[in-house]
């Protein structure tokens, strides 16, 4: 990951956490960073036909994907406080369109060629990022 990208991501995350603190008072994040959210929330909620969708367990290596999923996580953290209506808006306006683009054959994973083992997918595999990769861990 480029040094400039890392610095921009750190600034964005710090600004987001400050914004959440200011706007939400004592509201805490449900997940400490995007990686935890992807593993524990996103992947269990987004299962698609592996013959038509692509996913790389090392998704964090793709700058486009890691940036977009970081923003999607932050949007989820904000919208979860708006109740069922907020979550439906999140799914409709953010989650499904974003994930459909990321995992489409023309998306950022277009060249990834994973073995397809079954017709109905389990949760996509994920590998942990190197320690310190995500700024919220520091």
Protein backbone atom coordinates (compact mmCIF):
# COMPACT_ATOMS: atom_id res chain seq x y z
CA UNK A 1 0.00 0.00 0.00
CA UNK A 2 1.44 3.41 -0.87
CA UNK A 3 2.65 5.69 1.91
CA UNK A 4 0.42 8.54 0.66
CA UNK A 5 -2.60 6.24 0.63
CA UNK A 6 -1.81 5.07 4.17
CA UNK A 7 -1.56 8.68 5.40
CA UNK A 8 -4.82 9.63 3.68
CA UNK A 9 -6.58 6.60 5.19
CA UNK A 10 -5.26 7.45 8.67
CA UNK A 11 -6.51 11.04 8.35
CA UNK A 12 -9.90 9.89 7.04
CA UNK A 13 -10.32 7.38 9.89
CA UNK A 14 -9.28 9.94 12.54
CA UNK A 15 -11.71 12.49 11.09
CA UNK A 16 -14.48 9.89 11.04
CA UNK A 17 -13.87 8.85 14.64
CA UNK A 18 -13.83 12.51 15.73
CA UNK A 19 -17.02 13.12 13.77
CA UNK A 20 -18.71 10.10 15.35
CA UNK A 21 -17.67 11.26 18.81
CA UNK A 22 -18.96 14.80 18.21
CA UNK A 23 -22.23 13.74 16.59
CA UNK A 24 -23.03 10.78 18.76
CA UNK A 25 -21.80 11.86 22.13
CA UNK A 26 -20.95 8.63 23.92
CA UNK A 27 -21.74 6.26 21.03
CA UNK A 28 -19.02 3.69 20.60
CA UNK A 29 -18.07 1.96 17.39
CA UNK A 30 -19.44 -1.56 17.12
CA UNK A 31 -16.28 -2.66 15.30
CA UNK A 32 -12.79 -1.21 15.88
CA UNK A 33 -11.92 -1.02 12.17
CA UNK A 34 -13.06 -2.07 8.71
CA UNK A 35 -11.29 -5.44 8.77
CA UNK A 36 -13.23 -6.61 11.82
CA UNK A 37 -16.48 -5.35 10.30
CA UNK A 38 -15.82 -7.13 7.00
CA UNK A 39 -15.10 -10.44 8.74
CA UNK A 40 -17.81 -10.32 11.38
CA UNK A 41 -20.66 -8.41 9.72
CA UNK A 42 -20.26 -7.85 5.98
CA UNK A 43 -19.35 -11.34 4.79
CA UNK A 44 -22.05 -13.13 6.81
CA UNK A 45 -24.61 -10.69 5.35
CA UNK A 46 -23.49 -10.88 1.71
CA UNK A 47 -23.46 -14.34 0.16
CA UNK A 48 -23.67 -14.69 -3.58
CA UNK A 49 -23.22 -17.26 -6.31
CA UNK A 50 -19.45 -17.81 -6.60
CA UNK A 51 -19.90 -18.61 -10.30
CA UNK A 52 -21.02 -15.02 -10.87
CA UNK A 53 -19.18 -13.07 -8.15
CA UNK A 54 -15.52 -12.72 -7.22
CA UNK A 55 -13.93 -12.31 -3.79
CA UNK A 56 -10.32 -12.36 -2.67
CA UNK A 57 -9.68 -13.37 0.96
CA UNK A 58 -6.92 -10.76 0.90
CA UNK A 59 -9.34 -8.00 -0.12
CA UNK A 60 -7.31 -5.45 1.84
CA UNK A 61 -4.51 -5.62 -0.77
CA UNK A 62 -6.71 -3.76 -3.28
CA UNK A 63 -6.57 -0.04 -2.53
CA UNK A 64 -9.91 0.56 -4.23
CA UNK A 65 -11.65 -2.12 -2.22
CA UNK A 66 -10.07 -1.29 1.12
CA UNK A 67 -10.93 2.40 0.70
CA UNK A 68 -14.52 1.68 -0.32
CA UNK A 69 -15.08 -0.90 2.42
CA UNK A 70 -13.61 1.46 5.00
CA UNK A 71 -16.17 4.07 3.93
CA UNK A 72 -18.95 1.46 3.85
CA UNK A 73 -18.08 0.38 7.40
CA UNK A 74 -18.12 3.99 8.58
CA UNK A 75 -21.50 4.51 6.91
CA UNK A 76 -22.82 1.37 8.62
CA UNK A 77 -21.52 2.60 12.00
CA UNK A 78 -23.42 5.85 11.50
CA UNK A 79 -26.64 4.40 10.11
CA UNK A 80 -27.00 1.62 12.69
CA UNK A 81 -28.07 4.29 15.19
CA UNK A 82 -31.05 5.20 12.98
CA UNK A 83 -32.91 1.96 13.67
CA UNK A 84 -34.59 -0.33 11.17
CA UNK A 85 -35.31 2.44 8.66
CA UNK A 86 -31.68 3.54 8.69
CA UNK A 87 -30.50 -0.01 8.14
CA UNK A 88 -32.92 -0.56 5.26
CA UNK A 89 -31.60 2.62 3.65
CA UNK A 90 -28.06 1.37 4.28
CA UNK A 91 -28.79 -1.93 2.51
CA UNK A 92 -30.65 -0.33 -0.39
CA UNK A 93 -28.47 2.72 -1.03
CA UNK A 94 -25.02 1.61 0.11
CA UNK A 95 -24.48 -2.07 0.90
CA UNK A 96 -26.02 -3.90 -2.06
CA UNK A 97 -24.90 -1.46 -4.78
CA UNK A 98 -21.36 -1.27 -3.40
CA UNK A 99 -20.91 -5.00 -2.92
CA UNK A 100 -22.49 -5.76 -6.29
CA UNK A 101 -19.90 -3.51 -7.96
CA UNK A 102 -16.94 -4.82 -5.94
CA UNK A 103 -17.76 -8.49 -6.59
CA UNK A 104 -18.97 -8.17 -10.18
CA UNK A 105 -16.95 -9.78 -12.98
CA UNK A 106 -16.05 -6.25 -14.14
CA UNK A 107 -15.23 -5.02 -10.63
CA UNK A 108 -11.84 -4.56 -8.98
CA UNK A 109 -11.49 -8.33 -8.52
CA UNK A 110 -12.03 -9.08 -12.21
CA UNK A 111 -8.67 -10.87 -12.51
CA UNK A 112 -8.95 -12.92 -9.32
CA UNK A 113 -9.41 -16.63 -10.03
CA UNK A 114 -10.43 -18.56 -6.92
CA UNK A 115 -11.34 -22.23 -6.92
CA UNK A 116 -15.10 -22.66 -6.87
CA UNK A 117 -15.97 -25.54 -4.56
CA UNK A 118 -19.74 -25.34 -4.17
CA UNK A 119 -22.77 -23.80 -5.84
CA UNK A 120 -24.19 -22.10 -2.73
CA UNK A 121 -21.38 -20.18 -1.03
CA UNK A 122 -20.45 -20.21 2.59
CA UNK A 123 -19.04 -17.04 4.09
CA UNK A 124 -16.11 -16.03 1.91
CA UNK A 125 -12.73 -16.88 3.39
CA UNK A 126 -10.67 -14.10 4.84
CA UNK A 127 -7.08 -13.83 5.96
CA UNK A 128 -5.99 -11.38 8.61
CA UNK A 129 -4.11 -8.30 7.47
CA UNK A 130 -0.58 -7.88 8.76
CA UNK A 131 -0.42 -6.46 12.27
CA UNK A 132 -0.67 -2.66 12.25
CA UNK A 133 -2.07 -2.58 8.70
CA UNK A 134 -5.22 -0.81 9.82
CA UNK A 135 -4.68 2.48 11.57
CA UNK A 136 -7.31 1.93 14.26
CA UNK A 137 -5.14 -0.86 15.69
CA UNK A 138 -2.29 1.51 16.59
